Amino acid sequence: MSSSRSGESPVIERHRSKHEEATDDVEFGAWIDGELHTQGQKSEVEDPVTGESIVEVPQGDSSAVDSAVEAAWDAFEREWEAASVRDRSARLFEWADVLADHTDELTLLECLDCGKPISQARGEVEGAIDTLEYYASVCRAQRGSEIPGGEDVHLYTTQEPYGVVGQIVPWNYPLWAAAWKLGPALAAGNACVLKPANDTPLSTLRAAQLSEGIFPDGVLNVVPGPGSEVGQAIAEHDDIRKISFTGSTAVGSGVMRAAADRVAPVTLELGGKSPFIVFPDANLEKVVEAVADGIFYSTGEICDAFSRALVHESVAEEFTERFVEKAESYVLGDPLDEETTMGPLTSQRQFETVREYIETGREEADLLCGGGVPDDPALSEGWYVEPTVFGGVTNEMTIAREEIFGPVQTIQTFSEYEEAIDLANDTQYGLAAGIGTEKTSLVHRTADDLDAGLVYVNEYGPIMPDAPYGGFKQSGFGKDLGLEALDHYQRQKSVYVNLDQPEL
């Protein structure tokens, strides 16, 4: 393929141009106390399509976390604690409006540093804005409760914010995941210290800058940096009263231990190995699409990915044939192109991890398609992996038990309902599950029997801010999204008012 510079592909040239466009007149750094902080050692944020640096971002450390926490408490005690619900709502709506005005800018940043197809990146930016708008709306509808304690006592409950909360978000949904944390926390009246992922911090850092003049200085703080330093400092900080973490189960358990030493509450949204059960009556056209969406969307880098297809033996052959055909139809290409339906993995580290799992799968099971990298020379510098499908899988295999976090699907068969449920629940995780059937009674019975916090029927998604999101077992506890997340960022207080007999 011809190129204007040293034989390089037009894709590389195009991305270099977009790097300049995305970072022109924008500095990236920590956002603390309403100001941009660019001091400190810098780390490159790499483009997963080219492996080249998009921009360098200054790295925070424990002292930056200390500064952010101090600023957050000052803002909370000075102004934010006393802000009315109406005021908090109005400010969240204003921030959402500003972000909406910058949708194209944020979408480009998300596309470049994640490698997401631009249509997916745009949808997730819009999802983040929708989440903020949801919490701006529902916070005004909250109520306390009165409890009938007796004629001589007036008993009621109130809710109040924790004060300063710490939040750590993953690299696969940068801005959307940040909105899942910031929306309910700010709506509930807390000040926030948030750490974005080191691989994909750009959209969140830019969104924080776009809050300037909307929230009181210090209410919203974002500190980039390595998890081993910034994340650990947030988890261990004595003045952070609550932690919300999304990421791997291994890291999440460490966050929980750190918080336990100071008896701070935590919300954990962790890993998954989600099954999708295809029953004999399923509409195969519909469920093939659902399972494919659930494993190949965002290149499989999704915690609730439908990575295990459990298919009734009577339809297994047809399902497998259709699914392989669907997998092979994905268009791997430049995420900047609207026609691209799968981009690269987000980092070289994740690329190598997925390739290792694929090699393990070749030894354990039957490779039905994929397993390699695209042969398009324009994509040779990127961290691309073909959509991969394995058959002949059993639950004892590594590829059926461990979270791969890539576009790798396993297909297993079952003959009886109880066997399907046993296979689905035979995992350390319990984040999500799917059901493929046209029978309403089977939907409800299966949903009851599945040991998962989310159940999708005949589709993958949608994920809406209205409903709680979170899992069971080693997929974590507590909820993002929904009114439940708002509750998680507040403390409940019971007030007893003893009443004397009235005297005139």
Protein backbone atom coordinates (compact mmCIF):
# COMPACT_ATOMS: atom_id res chain seq x y z
CA MET A 1 0.00 0.00 0.00
CA SER A 2 1.44 3.34 -1.00
CA SER A 3 2.17 6.12 1.46
CA SER A 4 3.54 9.60 1.43
CA ARG A 5 6.19 8.90 4.09
CA SER A 6 8.73 6.06 4.13
CA GLY A 7 6.31 3.47 2.80
CA GLU A 8 3.97 3.86 5.77
CA SER A 9 0.31 3.16 5.27
CA PRO A 10 -2.32 5.88 4.89
CA VAL A 11 -3.87 4.59 8.13
CA ILE A 12 -0.78 5.63 10.08
CA GLU A 13 -0.66 8.99 8.33
CA ARG A 14 -4.33 9.54 9.04
CA HIS A 15 -3.94 8.71 12.72
CA ARG A 16 -1.00 11.03 13.13
CA SER A 17 -3.12 13.81 11.69
CA LYS A 18 -5.97 12.95 14.06
CA HIS A 19 -3.56 12.92 17.02
CA GLU A 20 -2.71 16.52 16.22
CA GLU A 21 -6.36 17.44 15.76
CA ALA A 22 -7.43 15.82 19.03
CA THR A 23 -4.68 17.38 21.13
CA ASP A 24 -4.38 20.78 19.42
CA ASP A 25 -4.69 23.61 21.99
CA VAL A 26 -5.54 21.05 24.72
CA GLU A 27 -3.28 20.16 27.63
CA PHE A 28 -3.86 16.99 29.60
CA GLY A 29 -3.12 16.57 33.27
CA ALA A 30 -4.68 16.21 36.68
CA TRP A 31 -7.76 18.32 37.40
CA ILE A 32 -7.54 19.36 41.06
CA ASP A 33 -9.38 22.19 42.81
CA GLY A 34 -10.68 23.55 39.52
CA GLU A 35 -7.22 23.84 37.96
CA LEU A 36 -5.12 21.90 35.46
CA HIS A 37 -1.91 20.40 36.88
CA THR A 38 0.71 19.38 34.33
CA GLN A 39 3.78 18.88 36.51
CA GLY A 40 5.34 15.49 37.09
CA GLN A 41 6.80 12.67 35.05
CA LYS A 42 4.88 12.04 31.86
CA SER A 43 3.61 8.81 30.35
CA GLU A 44 2.67 8.21 26.75
CA VAL A 45 -0.92 7.36 25.84
CA GLU A 46 -0.61 5.03 22.86
CA ASP A 47 -2.85 4.62 19.84
CA PRO A 48 -3.74 0.89 19.59
CA VAL A 49 -4.04 1.14 15.80
CA THR A 50 -0.48 2.38 15.25
CA GLY A 51 1.32 1.76 18.53
CA GLU A 52 2.44 5.38 18.45
CA SER A 53 2.00 8.01 21.14
CA ILE A 54 -1.07 10.23 20.93
CA VAL A 55 0.09 12.56 23.68
CA GLU A 56 2.00 12.48 26.94
CA VAL A 57 0.05 12.78 30.18
CA PRO A 58 1.63 13.85 33.49
CA GLN A 59 1.44 11.13 36.12
CA GLY A 60 0.01 11.84 39.52
CA ASP A 61 1.24 10.27 42.73
CA SER A 62 0.14 9.93 46.34
CA SER A 63 0.86 13.60 47.03
CA ALA A 64 -1.47 14.56 44.17
CA VAL A 65 -4.16 12.38 45.73
CA ASP A 66 -3.56 14.14 49.06
CA SER A 67 -4.00 17.52 47.35
CA ALA A 68 -7.17 16.36 45.62
CA VAL A 69 -8.68 14.99 48.83
CA GLU A 70 -7.85 18.20 50.71
CA ALA A 71 -9.44 20.29 47.94
CA ALA A 72 -12.48 18.01 47.90
CA TRP A 73 -13.07 18.32 51.64
CA ASP A 74 -12.60 22.08 51.50
CA ALA A 75 -15.16 22.36 48.69
CA PHE A 76 -17.59 20.03 50.43
CA GLU A 77 -17.48 21.84 53.75
CA ARG A 78 -17.32 25.33 52.22
CA GLU A 79 -20.16 25.04 49.74
CA TRP A 80 -21.17 21.66 48.32
CA GLU A 81 -22.56 20.12 51.52
CA ALA A 82 -25.01 23.00 51.83
CA ALA A 83 -25.97 23.06 48.14
CA SER A 84 -29.63 22.32 47.54
CA VAL A 85 -30.74 19.34 45.51
CA ARG A 86 -32.07 21.82 42.95
CA ASP A 87 -28.62 23.40 42.67
CA ARG A 88 -26.80 20.08 42.30
CA SER A 89 -29.28 19.00 39.64
CA ALA A 90 -28.88 22.23 37.68
CA ARG A 91 -25.09 21.97 37.70
CA LEU A 92 -25.16 18.36 36.50
CA PHE A 93 -27.50 19.33 33.67
CA GLU A 94 -25.20 22.21 32.75
CA TRP A 95 -22.16 19.92 32.64
CA ALA A 96 -24.05 17.41 30.51
CA ASP A 97 -25.00 20.21 28.09
CA VAL A 98 -21.36 21.30 27.77
CA LEU A 99 -20.23 17.73 27.16
CA ALA A 100 -22.94 17.36 24.51
CA ASP A 101 -21.53 20.44 22.75
CA HIS A 102 -18.16 18.63 22.69
CA THR A 103 -19.44 15.20 21.63
CA ASP A 104 -17.31 15.07 18.47
CA GLU A 105 -14.15 16.01 20.37
CA LEU A 106 -14.75 13.47 23.12
CA THR A 107 -15.68 10.79 20.59
CA LEU A 108 -12.41 11.28 18.71
CA LEU A 109 -10.39 11.02 21.93
CA GLU A 110 -12.27 7.85 22.91
CA CYS A 111 -11.77 6.35 19.46
CA LEU A 112 -8.05 7.10 19.38
CA ASP A 113 -6.96 5.93 22.81
CA CYS A 114 -9.32 2.92 23.08
CA GLY A 115 -9.36 1.75 19.46
CA LYS A 116 -13.16 1.56 19.51
CA PRO A 117 -14.96 1.92 16.16
CA ILE A 118 -16.04 5.53 16.04
CA SER A 119 -19.73 4.62 16.01
CA GLN A 120 -19.28 2.74 19.29
CA ALA A 121 -17.20 5.54 20.79
CA ARG A 122 -19.90 8.06 19.89
CA GLY A 123 -22.60 5.89 21.45
CA GLU A 124 -20.64 5.59 24.68
CA VAL A 125 -20.01 9.34 24.91
CA GLU A 126 -23.74 9.86 24.42
CA GLY A 127 -24.36 7.18 27.06
CA ALA A 128 -22.16 9.07 29.52
CA ILE A 129 -24.12 12.27 28.92
CA ASP A 130 -27.42 10.41 29.31
CA THR A 131 -26.20 8.99 32.63
CA LEU A 132 -25.38 12.44 33.99
CA GLU A 133 -28.77 13.72 32.87
CA TYR A 134 -30.49 10.78 34.56
CA TYR A 135 -28.91 11.55 37.94
CA ALA A 136 -29.54 15.26 37.50
CA SER A 137 -33.22 14.31 37.19
CA VAL A 138 -33.71 11.62 39.82
CA CYS A 139 -31.83 13.30 42.65
CA ARG A 140 -34.68 15.79 42.97
CA ALA A 141 -37.21 12.97 43.44
CA GLN A 142 -35.56 11.44 46.52
CA ARG A 143 -37.55 11.21 49.72
CA GLY A 144 -36.93 10.28 53.31
CA SER A 145 -39.41 8.08 55.10
CA GLU A 146 -41.59 8.27 58.17
CA ILE A 147 -41.85 5.17 60.33
CA PRO A 148 -44.94 4.57 62.52
CA GLY A 149 -43.09 4.08 65.79
CA GLY A 150 -45.97 4.90 68.12
CA GLU A 151 -48.02 7.81 69.41
CA ASP A 152 -45.24 9.07 71.65
CA VAL A 153 -42.46 9.13 69.05
CA HIS A 154 -41.98 10.72 65.64
CA LEU A 155 -39.53 8.45 63.79
CA TYR A 156 -38.15 9.29 60.37
CA THR A 157 -35.10 8.70 58.16
CA THR A 158 -32.92 11.10 56.22
CA GLN A 159 -30.07 10.61 53.76
CA GLU A 160 -26.83 12.53 53.64
CA PRO A 161 -23.65 12.36 51.54
CA TYR A 162 -20.48 10.69 52.79
CA GLY A 163 -18.41 13.79 52.07
CA VAL A 164 -15.42 12.83 49.89
CA VAL A 165 -15.53 9.62 47.86
CA GLY A 166 -12.85 7.90 45.80
CA GLN A 167 -13.50 6.29 42.43
CA ILE A 168 -11.35 4.12 40.16
CA VAL A 169 -12.51 3.35 36.62
CA PRO A 170 -11.30 0.86 33.97
CA TRP A 171 -9.74 1.32 30.55
CA ASN A 172 -12.47 -0.29 28.44
CA TYR A 173 -15.27 2.29 28.95
CA PRO A 174 -13.38 5.41 30.01
CA LEU A 175 -15.91 8.24 29.90
CA TRP A 176 -19.03 6.14 30.30
CA ALA A 177 -17.65 4.38 33.39
CA ALA A 178 -16.60 7.73 34.84
CA ALA A 179 -20.15 9.02 34.41
CA TRP A 180 -21.48 5.89 36.15
CA LYS A 181 -19.42 6.93 39.18
CA LEU A 182 -19.54 10.72 39.07
CA GLY A 183 -23.23 11.07 38.22
CA PRO A 184 -24.71 9.50 41.36
CA ALA A 185 -21.89 10.65 43.65
CA LEU A 186 -22.25 14.33 42.70
CA ALA A 187 -26.04 14.13 42.65
CA ALA A 188 -25.95 12.72 46.19
CA GLY A 189 -23.88 15.70 47.33
CA ASN A 190 -20.38 14.22 47.56
CA ALA A 191 -17.11 15.67 46.34
CA CYS A 192 -15.12 13.24 44.17
CA VAL A 193 -11.54 12.11 43.59
CA LEU A 194 -11.47 9.87 40.52
CA LYS A 195 -8.62 7.97 38.88
CA PRO A 196 -8.97 7.17 35.17
CA ALA A 197 -7.17 4.20 33.66
CA ASN A 198 -3.60 4.89 32.60
CA ASP A 199 -4.14 3.43 29.13
CA THR A 200 -7.21 5.52 28.31
CA PRO A 201 -7.39 8.72 30.39
CA LEU A 202 -7.95 11.34 27.69
CA SER A 203 -11.74 11.67 27.41
CA THR A 204 -12.19 11.73 31.19
CA LEU A 205 -9.46 14.32 31.71
CA ARG A 206 -10.98 16.50 29.00
CA ALA A 207 -14.49 16.10 30.44
CA ALA A 208 -13.19 17.24 33.84
CA GLN A 209 -11.73 20.36 32.25
CA LEU A 210 -15.11 21.04 30.65
CA SER A 211 -16.64 21.22 34.13
CA GLU A 212 -14.72 24.42 34.84
CA GLY A 213 -16.96 27.10 36.30
CA ILE A 214 -19.88 24.69 36.70
CA PHE A 215 -19.08 22.97 39.99
CA PRO A 216 -17.39 24.74 42.89
CA ASP A 217 -13.63 24.31 42.66
CA GLY A 218 -12.61 21.07 44.34
CA VAL A 219 -15.92 19.24 43.97
CA LEU A 220 -14.69 17.25 40.95
CA ASN A 221 -11.07 16.08 40.93
CA VAL A 222 -9.42 13.67 38.47
CA VAL A 223 -5.90 12.33 39.09
CA PRO A 224 -4.24 10.21 36.37
CA GLY A 225 -1.43 7.85 37.18
CA PRO A 226 -0.53 4.21 37.80
CA GLY A 227 -2.90 2.09 39.83
CA SER A 228 -0.06 0.92 42.03
CA GLU A 229 0.42 4.48 43.26
CA VAL A 230 -2.63 6.67 42.57
CA GLY A 231 -5.18 3.86 42.85
CA GLN A 232 -3.56 2.50 45.99
CA ALA A 233 -3.42 5.98 47.54
CA ILE A 234 -7.16 6.44 46.92
CA ALA A 235 -7.99 3.01 48.34
CA GLU A 236 -5.91 3.60 51.49
CA HIS A 237 -6.63 7.28 52.12
CA ASP A 238 -7.96 7.89 55.63
CA ASP A 239 -10.02 10.90 54.52
CA ILE A 240 -11.88 9.15 51.70
CA ARG A 241 -15.08 7.79 53.20
CA LYS A 242 -16.24 5.50 50.39
CA ILE A 243 -14.60 3.72 47.43
CA SER A 244 -16.16 2.65 44.16
CA PHE A 245 -14.00 0.48 41.90
CA THR A 246 -14.52 -1.11 38.49
CA GLY A 247 -11.86 -3.48 37.18
CA SER A 248 -10.43 -6.94 37.64
CA THR A 249 -11.36 -9.23 40.50
CA ALA A 250 -7.72 -9.49 41.60
CA VAL A 251 -7.28 -5.73 41.92
CA GLY A 252 -10.75 -5.29 43.38
CA SER A 253 -10.00 -7.66 46.24
CA GLY A 254 -6.92 -5.56 47.01
CA VAL A 255 -9.02 -2.40 47.07
CA MET A 256 -11.44 -4.11 49.43
CA ARG A 257 -8.63 -5.13 51.80
CA ALA A 258 -7.23 -1.59 51.85
CA ALA A 259 -10.65 -0.12 52.60
CA ALA A 260 -11.29 -2.73 55.29
CA ASP A 261 -8.35 -1.48 57.35
CA ARG A 262 -10.25 1.79 57.92
CA VAL A 263 -13.76 0.28 57.70
CA ALA A 264 -14.70 2.26 54.58
CA PRO A 265 -17.59 0.95 52.45
CA VAL A 266 -16.83 -0.19 48.92
CA THR A 267 -18.70 -0.87 45.71
CA LEU A 268 -16.98 -3.37 43.42
CA GLU A 269 -17.87 -4.13 39.79
CA LEU A 270 -15.41 -6.81 38.74
CA GLY A 271 -14.87 -9.56 36.19
CA GLY A 272 -17.23 -11.88 34.37
CA LYS A 273 -17.51 -15.05 32.33
CA SER A 274 -21.09 -14.66 31.19
CA PRO A 275 -23.11 -17.51 29.67
CA PHE A 276 -25.83 -17.21 27.05
CA ILE A 277 -28.23 -20.17 27.06
CA VAL A 278 -29.74 -21.01 23.66
CA PHE A 279 -32.87 -23.12 24.16
CA PRO A 280 -34.33 -25.37 21.40
CA ASP A 281 -37.10 -22.93 20.49
CA ALA A 282 -34.82 -19.90 20.19
CA ASN A 283 -35.00 -17.67 17.15
CA LEU A 284 -31.50 -18.44 15.90
CA GLU A 285 -31.25 -15.38 13.70
CA LYS A 286 -31.97 -13.22 16.72
CA VAL A 287 -29.80 -15.00 19.26
CA VAL A 288 -26.78 -15.37 16.97
CA GLU A 289 -26.86 -11.60 16.63
CA ALA A 290 -27.24 -11.20 20.40
CA VAL A 291 -24.36 -13.52 21.30
CA ALA A 292 -22.13 -11.95 18.66
CA ASP A 293 -22.91 -8.47 19.96
CA GLY A 294 -22.17 -9.69 23.45
CA ILE A 295 -18.69 -11.01 22.66
CA PHE A 296 -17.46 -8.96 19.70
CA TYR A 297 -18.70 -5.49 20.67
CA SER A 298 -15.75 -3.38 21.80
CA THR A 299 -13.45 -6.23 20.65
CA GLY A 300 -14.67 -8.34 23.54
CA GLU A 301 -13.17 -5.98 26.12
CA ILE A 302 -16.38 -5.90 28.13
CA CYS A 303 -16.88 -7.27 31.63
CA ASP A 304 -20.33 -8.71 30.88
CA ALA A 305 -19.29 -10.29 27.56
CA PHE A 306 -21.28 -13.34 26.43
CA SER A 307 -18.08 -15.38 26.25
CA ARG A 308 -19.80 -18.76 26.81
CA ALA A 309 -22.56 -19.90 24.43
CA LEU A 310 -24.45 -22.85 25.94
CA VAL A 311 -26.52 -24.33 23.12
CA HIS A 312 -29.12 -27.09 23.19
CA GLU A 313 -27.83 -30.09 21.27
CA SER A 314 -30.83 -30.10 18.91
CA VAL A 315 -29.87 -26.68 17.47
CA ALA A 316 -26.14 -26.70 18.16
CA GLU A 317 -25.05 -27.52 14.61
CA GLU A 318 -27.16 -24.81 13.02
CA PHE A 319 -26.28 -22.26 15.69
CA THR A 320 -22.57 -22.96 15.29
CA GLU A 321 -22.72 -22.66 11.51
CA ARG A 322 -24.59 -19.37 11.71
CA PHE A 323 -22.36 -18.02 14.47
CA VAL A 324 -19.12 -18.78 12.64
CA GLU A 325 -20.53 -17.06 9.57
CA LYS A 326 -21.42 -14.05 11.68
CA ALA A 327 -17.97 -13.95 13.30
CA GLU A 328 -16.30 -14.00 9.91
CA SER A 329 -18.45 -11.09 8.72
CA TYR A 330 -16.94 -8.54 11.09
CA VAL A 331 -14.95 -5.80 9.38
CA LEU A 332 -11.61 -5.29 11.08
CA GLY A 333 -10.26 -1.91 10.13
CA ASP A 334 -9.44 1.64 11.05
CA PRO A 335 -11.74 2.66 13.94
CA LEU A 336 -12.03 6.09 12.34
CA ASP A 337 -14.00 4.53 9.47
CA GLU A 338 -17.74 4.27 10.01
CA GLU A 339 -17.85 0.90 8.22
CA THR A 340 -15.38 -0.69 10.66
CA THR A 341 -17.18 -3.04 13.05
CA MET A 342 -14.18 -4.23 15.08
CA GLY A 343 -11.09 -2.32 16.09
CA PRO A 344 -7.90 -3.41 17.85
CA LEU A 345 -7.49 -4.40 21.46
CA THR A 346 -6.70 -1.41 23.63
CA SER A 347 -3.13 -2.23 24.64
CA GLN A 348 -0.22 -4.38 23.62
CA ARG A 349 -0.42 -6.06 27.03
CA GLN A 350 -4.02 -7.11 26.40
CA PHE A 351 -3.14 -8.18 22.84
CA GLU A 352 -0.48 -10.53 24.17
CA THR A 353 -2.83 -11.86 26.86
CA VAL A 354 -5.57 -12.68 24.36
CA ARG A 355 -3.11 -14.34 21.96
CA GLU A 356 -1.89 -16.55 24.83
CA TYR A 357 -5.46 -17.62 25.61
CA ILE A 358 -6.05 -18.42 21.95
CA GLU A 359 -2.99 -20.65 21.91
CA THR A 360 -4.30 -22.39 25.04
CA GLY A 361 -7.64 -22.81 23.29
CA ARG A 362 -5.97 -24.43 20.28
CA GLU A 363 -4.59 -27.07 22.63
CA GLU A 364 -7.83 -27.61 24.56
CA ALA A 365 -10.64 -27.34 22.02
CA ASP A 366 -11.55 -27.10 18.33
CA LEU A 367 -10.73 -23.81 16.60
CA LEU A 368 -13.69 -23.07 14.32
CA CYS A 369 -12.62 -19.69 12.98
CA GLY A 370 -10.25 -16.82 13.61
CA GLY A 371 -7.38 -17.22 16.00
CA GLY A 372 -4.98 -15.05 14.07
CA VAL A 373 -4.35 -11.45 13.14
CA PRO A 374 -5.67 -9.74 9.99
CA ASP A 375 -3.48 -9.98 6.91
CA ASP A 376 -4.20 -6.40 5.84
CA PRO A 377 -0.78 -4.67 5.85
CA ALA A 378 -2.48 -1.38 6.78
CA LEU A 379 -3.34 -2.92 10.15
CA SER A 380 -0.02 -4.62 10.80
CA GLU A 381 1.14 -2.12 13.41
CA GLY A 382 -2.06 -2.39 15.46
CA TRP A 383 -3.13 -4.77 18.21
CA TYR A 384 -5.75 -6.59 16.14
CA VAL A 385 -7.10 -10.09 16.78
CA GLU A 386 -9.61 -11.83 14.53
CA PRO A 387 -13.00 -12.82 15.95
CA THR A 388 -12.29 -16.29 17.31
CA VAL A 389 -14.67 -19.19 17.98
CA PHE A 390 -13.92 -22.49 19.72
CA GLY A 391 -16.14 -25.58 19.67
CA GLY A 392 -15.92 -28.85 21.58
CA VAL A 393 -15.53 -26.89 24.81
CA THR A 394 -16.17 -28.18 28.33
CA ASN A 395 -16.41 -26.25 31.57
CA GLU A 396 -13.11 -27.68 32.82
CA MET A 397 -11.12 -25.92 30.11
CA THR A 398 -9.13 -22.77 30.81
CA ILE A 399 -10.86 -20.87 28.01
CA ALA A 400 -14.24 -21.67 29.56
CA ARG A 401 -13.30 -20.65 33.09
CA GLU A 402 -10.98 -17.64 32.91
CA GLU A 403 -11.93 -14.16 31.74
CA ILE A 404 -10.11 -13.57 28.44
CA PHE A 405 -11.34 -10.00 27.79
CA GLY A 406 -11.08 -10.31 24.04
CA PRO A 407 -13.07 -11.47 21.00
CA VAL A 408 -12.96 -15.16 21.88
CA GLN A 409 -16.19 -17.21 21.98
CA THR A 410 -16.63 -20.74 23.31
CA ILE A 411 -19.56 -22.99 22.34
CA GLN A 412 -20.79 -25.82 24.58
CA THR A 413 -23.84 -28.06 24.30
CA PHE A 414 -26.44 -29.31 26.76
CA SER A 415 -29.41 -31.67 26.60
CA GLU A 416 -31.57 -30.88 29.65
CA TYR A 417 -32.70 -27.68 31.37
CA GLU A 418 -30.99 -28.54 34.66
CA GLU A 419 -27.73 -29.22 32.82
CA ALA A 420 -27.87 -25.80 31.18
CA ILE A 421 -28.37 -24.07 34.52
CA ASP A 422 -25.58 -26.08 36.15
CA LEU A 423 -23.18 -25.21 33.33
CA ALA A 424 -24.16 -21.53 33.41
CA ASN A 425 -23.68 -21.21 37.16
CA ASP A 426 -20.50 -23.29 37.30
CA THR A 427 -18.21 -20.28 37.41
CA GLN A 428 -16.61 -18.05 40.04
CA TYR A 429 -18.28 -15.07 38.37
CA GLY A 430 -21.88 -13.86 38.39
CA LEU A 431 -22.07 -10.60 36.49
CA ALA A 432 -24.35 -11.28 33.52
CA ALA A 433 -26.15 -14.02 31.61
CA GLY A 434 -28.33 -14.29 28.53
CA ILE A 435 -31.38 -16.32 27.58
CA GLY A 436 -32.47 -17.26 24.06
CA THR A 437 -36.06 -18.49 23.90
CA GLU A 438 -39.51 -17.48 22.67
CA LYS A 439 -41.28 -18.94 25.74
CA THR A 440 -42.19 -16.38 28.38
CA SER A 441 -42.44 -18.94 31.17
CA LEU A 442 -38.97 -20.26 30.32
CA VAL A 443 -37.58 -16.72 30.43
CA HIS A 444 -38.81 -16.12 33.96
CA ARG A 445 -37.86 -19.52 35.32
CA THR A 446 -34.35 -19.30 33.84
CA ALA A 447 -33.85 -15.73 35.03
CA ASP A 448 -34.69 -16.88 38.56
CA ASP A 449 -32.28 -19.82 38.37
CA LEU A 450 -29.30 -17.95 36.91
CA ASP A 451 -26.75 -16.79 39.48
CA ALA A 452 -26.06 -13.42 37.87
CA GLY A 453 -26.83 -9.80 38.59
CA LEU A 454 -27.87 -9.00 35.01
CA VAL A 455 -29.99 -11.10 32.67
CA TYR A 456 -30.52 -10.20 29.01
CA VAL A 457 -33.28 -11.88 26.99
CA ASN A 458 -32.73 -12.48 23.24
CA GLU A 459 -30.46 -9.43 23.03
CA TYR A 460 -27.23 -8.01 24.36
CA GLY A 461 -28.14 -4.87 26.29
CA PRO A 462 -29.14 -2.16 26.28
CA ILE A 463 -27.46 -0.81 29.41
CA MET A 464 -29.62 2.00 30.76
CA PRO A 465 -28.89 4.35 33.66
CA ASP A 466 -32.35 3.61 35.05
CA ALA A 467 -31.51 0.05 36.18
CA PRO A 468 -28.89 -1.14 38.67
CA TYR A 469 -25.78 -2.76 37.20
CA GLY A 470 -23.62 -5.18 39.16
CA GLY A 471 -22.92 -8.82 39.81
CA PHE A 472 -22.73 -11.64 42.31
CA LYS A 473 -19.92 -13.85 43.63
CA GLN A 474 -16.47 -12.72 42.43
CA SER A 475 -18.05 -10.25 40.05
CA GLY A 476 -18.40 -7.93 43.04
CA PHE A 477 -21.16 -6.35 45.07
CA GLY A 478 -23.02 -3.10 45.25
CA LYS A 479 -24.45 -1.41 42.18
CA ASP A 480 -23.58 1.16 39.59
CA LEU A 481 -26.50 2.90 37.88
CA GLY A 482 -30.13 3.05 38.94
CA LEU A 483 -31.48 4.64 42.10
CA GLU A 484 -29.44 2.03 43.96
CA ALA A 485 -26.19 3.79 43.00
CA LEU A 486 -27.55 7.04 44.39
CA ASP A 487 -28.29 5.21 47.64
CA HIS A 488 -24.74 3.77 47.70
CA TYR A 489 -23.33 7.31 47.82
CA GLN A 490 -25.44 8.33 50.81
CA ARG A 491 -25.62 7.43 54.47
CA GLN A 492 -29.00 6.83 56.04
CA LYS A 493 -29.84 8.35 59.39
CA SER A 494 -32.77 7.51 61.68
CA VAL A 495 -34.14 10.33 63.81
CA TYR A 496 -36.26 9.64 66.93
CA VAL A 497 -38.25 12.61 68.22
CA ASN A 498 -39.94 11.70 71.51
CA LEU A 499 -43.26 13.42 71.98
CA ASP A 500 -44.85 14.45 75.25
CA GLN A 501 -48.57 14.65 75.80
CA PRO A 502 -49.77 18.07 74.59
CA GLU A 503 -50.65 20.53 77.33
CA LEU A 504 -52.57 23.75 76.92
